[in-house]
Each structure stands twice: as C-alpha cells, then as structure tokens.
Amino acid sequence: MSLSAQKITAQLLTLSEQEQQEAINFIEFLQNKSIQQPFAPENQVNTQTEGAKVLQILEGYELLGCIEGDGHLSENYKKYLWDHK
C-alpha cells in the first residue's frame, strides 16, 4: 500500500460508519464522472445536430425520464409545470 493510500485509510478510520459510506459514495461518483463524459472534446470536429447534442447531454446527466406523466407532456406542459388546466 502506498503512503497516500495509507494516509487515506487512516483518515477514513477516524470517520463514523455513515461518513465512511459518504466517502465511498463520493469516490464512486468521481470514478463514474471520469468514465461518463457527455461532452465531446473541444478539438474533435462534431457533426451532430443540435438535437443530438442536447440528447447526449441529457443522457450523460441521466435527466431523461425524470418526470412522470400521461405521455402528453408536450400538449399538457402547463398542467405539469404550473398546475394550470
């Protein structure tokens, strides 16, 4: 085990069980963040349409399917967003 791994382990052992779980969750978040890169590198030529870019961003941040409804959101959006009928 390297010195930095030993230091991290020693620090983790000073935390409560709940705080240790939060630290694990944060580490997993950082690992997933480096794996999931919803944006294309700036130096890469991107020929996607604007709609495809938006879709890729929404998928990357897991925002698709985040609202429940009757499937007619485009027609009844005021009802869902502002509770108008």
N, C-alpha and C. Protein backbone atom coordinates (compact mmCIF):
# COMPACT_ATOMS: atom_id res chain seq x y z
N MET A 1 0.86 -1.18 0.00
CA MET A 1 0.00 0.00 0.00
C MET A 1 0.90 1.24 0.00
N SER A 2 0.62 2.18 -0.85
CA SER A 2 1.44 3.39 -0.94
C SER A 2 1.17 4.30 0.26
N LEU A 3 2.04 5.26 0.43
CA LEU A 3 1.92 6.19 1.55
C LEU A 3 0.60 6.96 1.49
N SER A 4 0.21 7.43 0.31
CA SER A 4 -1.04 8.17 0.20
C SER A 4 -2.24 7.27 0.47
N ALA A 5 -2.20 6.01 0.06
CA ALA A 5 -3.29 5.08 0.36
C ALA A 5 -3.36 4.82 1.86
N GLN A 6 -2.20 4.73 2.52
CA GLN A 6 -2.17 4.55 3.97
C GLN A 6 -2.78 5.77 4.67
N LYS A 7 -2.46 6.95 4.18
CA LYS A 7 -2.98 8.18 4.78
C LYS A 7 -4.51 8.25 4.61
N ILE A 8 -4.98 7.90 3.42
CA ILE A 8 -6.42 7.91 3.16
C ILE A 8 -7.13 6.91 4.07
N THR A 9 -6.55 5.71 4.20
CA THR A 9 -7.14 4.69 5.05
C THR A 9 -7.19 5.16 6.50
N ALA A 10 -6.10 5.76 6.98
CA ALA A 10 -6.07 6.25 8.36
C ALA A 10 -7.13 7.32 8.57
N GLN A 11 -7.29 8.19 7.60
CA GLN A 11 -8.31 9.24 7.72
C GLN A 11 -9.72 8.65 7.71
N LEU A 12 -9.94 7.66 6.85
CA LEU A 12 -11.26 7.02 6.78
C LEU A 12 -11.63 6.36 8.10
N LEU A 13 -10.64 5.76 8.75
CA LEU A 13 -10.91 5.06 10.01
C LEU A 13 -11.31 6.01 11.14
N THR A 14 -11.04 7.30 10.99
CA THR A 14 -11.44 8.27 12.02
C THR A 14 -12.89 8.71 11.85
N LEU A 15 -13.50 8.35 10.73
CA LEU A 15 -14.87 8.77 10.43
C LEU A 15 -15.88 7.76 10.97
N SER A 16 -17.10 8.26 11.17
CA SER A 16 -18.19 7.36 11.56
C SER A 16 -18.53 6.46 10.38
N GLU A 17 -19.31 5.41 10.65
CA GLU A 17 -19.69 4.49 9.58
C GLU A 17 -20.46 5.21 8.48
N GLN A 18 -21.35 6.12 8.88
CA GLN A 18 -22.13 6.88 7.89
C GLN A 18 -21.21 7.78 7.06
N GLU A 19 -20.25 8.42 7.70
CA GLU A 19 -19.32 9.28 6.96
C GLU A 19 -18.43 8.46 6.03
N GLN A 20 -18.06 7.26 6.47
CA GLN A 20 -17.28 6.38 5.60
C GLN A 20 -18.08 6.01 4.35
N GLN A 21 -19.38 5.75 4.53
CA GLN A 21 -20.24 5.44 3.38
C GLN A 21 -20.33 6.63 2.44
N GLU A 22 -20.41 7.84 3.00
CA GLU A 22 -20.45 9.05 2.17
C GLU A 22 -19.14 9.19 1.38
N ALA A 23 -18.01 8.87 2.02
CA ALA A 23 -16.72 8.93 1.34
C ALA A 23 -16.67 7.93 0.19
N ILE A 24 -17.17 6.72 0.43
CA ILE A 24 -17.23 5.70 -0.63
C ILE A 24 -18.11 6.19 -1.78
N ASN A 25 -19.27 6.76 -1.44
CA ASN A 25 -20.17 7.29 -2.47
C ASN A 25 -19.48 8.36 -3.30
N PHE A 26 -18.71 9.22 -2.64
CA PHE A 26 -18.01 10.29 -3.35
C PHE A 26 -16.94 9.71 -4.28
N ILE A 27 -16.21 8.71 -3.79
CA ILE A 27 -15.20 8.07 -4.62
C ILE A 27 -15.84 7.45 -5.86
N GLU A 28 -16.98 6.76 -5.67
CA GLU A 28 -17.68 6.17 -6.80
C GLU A 28 -18.17 7.23 -7.77
N PHE A 29 -18.64 8.37 -7.22
CA PHE A 29 -19.06 9.49 -8.07
C PHE A 29 -17.89 9.97 -8.93
N LEU A 30 -16.72 10.14 -8.32
CA LEU A 30 -15.55 10.59 -9.07
C LEU A 30 -15.15 9.58 -10.14
N GLN A 31 -15.23 8.29 -9.81
CA GLN A 31 -14.89 7.27 -10.79
C GLN A 31 -15.87 7.30 -11.96
N ASN A 32 -17.15 7.42 -11.68
CA ASN A 32 -18.16 7.46 -12.74
C ASN A 32 -18.03 8.73 -13.57
N LYS A 33 -17.69 9.82 -12.93
CA LYS A 33 -17.54 11.10 -13.61
C LYS A 33 -16.44 11.01 -14.66
N SER A 34 -15.35 10.34 -14.32
CA SER A 34 -14.25 10.24 -15.28
C SER A 34 -14.60 9.28 -16.42
N ILE A 35 -15.49 8.32 -16.17
CA ILE A 35 -15.90 7.37 -17.21
C ILE A 35 -16.93 8.01 -18.14
N GLN A 36 -17.92 8.70 -17.55
CA GLN A 36 -19.01 9.29 -18.34
C GLN A 36 -18.63 10.71 -18.71
N GLN A 37 -18.32 10.92 -19.95
CA GLN A 37 -18.01 12.25 -20.44
C GLN A 37 -19.01 12.60 -21.52
N PRO A 38 -20.12 13.28 -21.12
CA PRO A 38 -21.18 13.54 -22.08
C PRO A 38 -20.82 14.54 -23.17
N PHE A 39 -19.73 15.28 -22.99
CA PHE A 39 -19.37 16.29 -23.97
C PHE A 39 -18.21 15.79 -24.81
N ALA A 40 -18.23 16.14 -26.08
CA ALA A 40 -17.14 15.76 -26.97
C ALA A 40 -15.94 16.65 -26.69
N PRO A 41 -14.72 16.15 -26.86
CA PRO A 41 -13.53 17.00 -26.69
C PRO A 41 -13.58 18.18 -27.65
N GLU A 42 -13.06 19.31 -27.19
CA GLU A 42 -13.15 20.55 -27.97
C GLU A 42 -12.41 20.47 -29.31
N ASN A 43 -11.32 19.70 -29.36
CA ASN A 43 -10.57 19.65 -30.60
C ASN A 43 -11.15 18.67 -31.61
N GLN A 44 -12.18 17.94 -31.22
CA GLN A 44 -12.82 16.98 -32.12
C GLN A 44 -13.92 17.69 -32.93
N VAL A 45 -13.93 17.45 -34.22
CA VAL A 45 -14.97 18.02 -35.06
C VAL A 45 -16.26 17.27 -34.79
N ASN A 46 -17.31 18.02 -34.45
CA ASN A 46 -18.57 17.39 -34.09
C ASN A 46 -19.61 17.73 -35.14
N THR A 47 -20.15 16.70 -35.78
CA THR A 47 -21.13 16.90 -36.84
C THR A 47 -22.54 16.58 -36.37
N GLN A 48 -22.73 16.47 -35.04
CA GLN A 48 -24.06 16.17 -34.51
C GLN A 48 -24.99 17.36 -34.70
N THR A 49 -26.27 17.05 -34.84
CA THR A 49 -27.26 18.12 -34.87
C THR A 49 -27.42 18.67 -33.46
N GLU A 50 -28.05 19.83 -33.35
CA GLU A 50 -28.28 20.42 -32.03
C GLU A 50 -29.13 19.50 -31.16
N GLY A 51 -30.13 18.88 -31.76
CA GLY A 51 -30.99 17.97 -31.00
C GLY A 51 -30.22 16.77 -30.48
N ALA A 52 -29.31 16.24 -31.29
CA ALA A 52 -28.50 15.10 -30.85
C ALA A 52 -27.55 15.51 -29.73
N LYS A 53 -27.03 16.74 -29.79
CA LYS A 53 -26.16 17.23 -28.73
C LYS A 53 -26.93 17.33 -27.41
N VAL A 54 -28.14 17.89 -27.48
CA VAL A 54 -28.96 18.03 -26.29
C VAL A 54 -29.30 16.65 -25.72
N LEU A 55 -29.66 15.73 -26.58
CA LEU A 55 -29.98 14.37 -26.15
C LEU A 55 -28.78 13.73 -25.46
N GLN A 56 -27.59 13.91 -26.02
CA GLN A 56 -26.38 13.34 -25.43
C GLN A 56 -26.12 13.94 -24.05
N ILE A 57 -26.31 15.23 -23.90
CA ILE A 57 -26.10 15.89 -22.61
C ILE A 57 -27.12 15.38 -21.59
N LEU A 58 -28.38 15.31 -21.98
CA LEU A 58 -29.41 14.82 -21.06
C LEU A 58 -29.16 13.39 -20.64
N GLU A 59 -28.73 12.55 -21.58
CA GLU A 59 -28.40 11.16 -21.25
C GLU A 59 -27.19 11.10 -20.33
N GLY A 60 -26.21 11.94 -20.58
CA GLY A 60 -25.00 11.95 -19.77
C GLY A 60 -25.26 12.32 -18.33
N TYR A 61 -26.22 13.20 -18.10
CA TYR A 61 -26.57 13.61 -16.74
C TYR A 61 -27.78 12.86 -16.20
N GLU A 62 -28.19 11.80 -16.90
CA GLU A 62 -29.31 10.95 -16.50
C GLU A 62 -30.58 11.75 -16.22
N LEU A 63 -30.89 12.69 -17.11
CA LEU A 63 -32.07 13.52 -16.94
C LEU A 63 -33.25 13.07 -17.79
N LEU A 64 -33.07 12.05 -18.60
CA LEU A 64 -34.18 11.56 -19.40
C LEU A 64 -35.08 10.70 -18.53
N GLY A 65 -36.37 10.85 -18.72
CA GLY A 65 -37.32 10.05 -17.96
C GLY A 65 -37.43 10.48 -16.51
N CYS A 66 -37.16 11.76 -16.23
CA CYS A 66 -37.16 12.19 -14.84
C CYS A 66 -38.50 12.81 -14.42
N ILE A 67 -39.53 12.70 -15.23
CA ILE A 67 -40.85 13.21 -14.87
C ILE A 67 -41.89 12.16 -15.24
N GLU A 68 -42.84 11.98 -14.34
CA GLU A 68 -43.92 11.05 -14.62
C GLU A 68 -45.10 11.81 -15.18
N GLY A 69 -45.83 11.18 -16.04
CA GLY A 69 -46.99 11.83 -16.62
C GLY A 69 -47.75 10.87 -17.49
N ASP A 70 -48.69 11.42 -18.22
CA ASP A 70 -49.56 10.59 -19.05
C ASP A 70 -49.03 10.42 -20.48
N GLY A 71 -47.84 10.92 -20.76
CA GLY A 71 -47.27 10.78 -22.10
C GLY A 71 -47.63 11.93 -23.02
N HIS A 72 -48.30 12.94 -22.52
CA HIS A 72 -48.72 14.08 -23.34
C HIS A 72 -48.13 15.37 -22.80
N LEU A 73 -46.88 15.32 -22.35
CA LEU A 73 -46.25 16.49 -21.77
C LEU A 73 -46.20 17.66 -22.75
N SER A 74 -45.95 17.40 -24.03
CA SER A 74 -45.86 18.50 -24.99
C SER A 74 -47.19 19.22 -25.15
N GLU A 75 -48.29 18.52 -24.91
CA GLU A 75 -49.61 19.14 -25.01
C GLU A 75 -50.07 19.73 -23.68
N ASN A 76 -49.68 19.09 -22.58
CA ASN A 76 -50.18 19.48 -21.26
C ASN A 76 -49.08 20.00 -20.34
N TYR A 77 -48.04 20.62 -20.91
CA TYR A 77 -46.91 21.02 -20.09
C TYR A 77 -47.28 22.04 -19.01
N LYS A 78 -48.23 22.93 -19.29
CA LYS A 78 -48.63 23.91 -18.28
C LYS A 78 -49.20 23.23 -17.05
N LYS A 79 -49.96 22.17 -17.25
CA LYS A 79 -50.53 21.43 -16.14
C LYS A 79 -49.43 20.88 -15.25
N TYR A 80 -48.36 20.35 -15.86
CA TYR A 80 -47.28 19.73 -15.09
C TYR A 80 -46.35 20.76 -14.48
N LEU A 81 -46.08 21.84 -15.21
CA LEU A 81 -45.10 22.82 -14.73
C LEU A 81 -45.72 23.89 -13.82
N TRP A 82 -46.94 24.30 -14.13
CA TRP A 82 -47.53 25.38 -13.35
C TRP A 82 -48.90 25.02 -12.79
N ASP A 83 -49.28 23.78 -12.90
CA ASP A 83 -50.57 23.29 -12.39
C ASP A 83 -51.75 24.03 -12.99
N HIS A 84 -51.63 24.45 -14.27
CA HIS A 84 -52.75 25.04 -15.00
C HIS A 84 -53.47 23.97 -15.78
N LYS A 85 -54.74 24.18 -16.02
CA LYS A 85 -55.51 23.19 -16.79
C LYS A 85 -55.94 23.74 -18.12
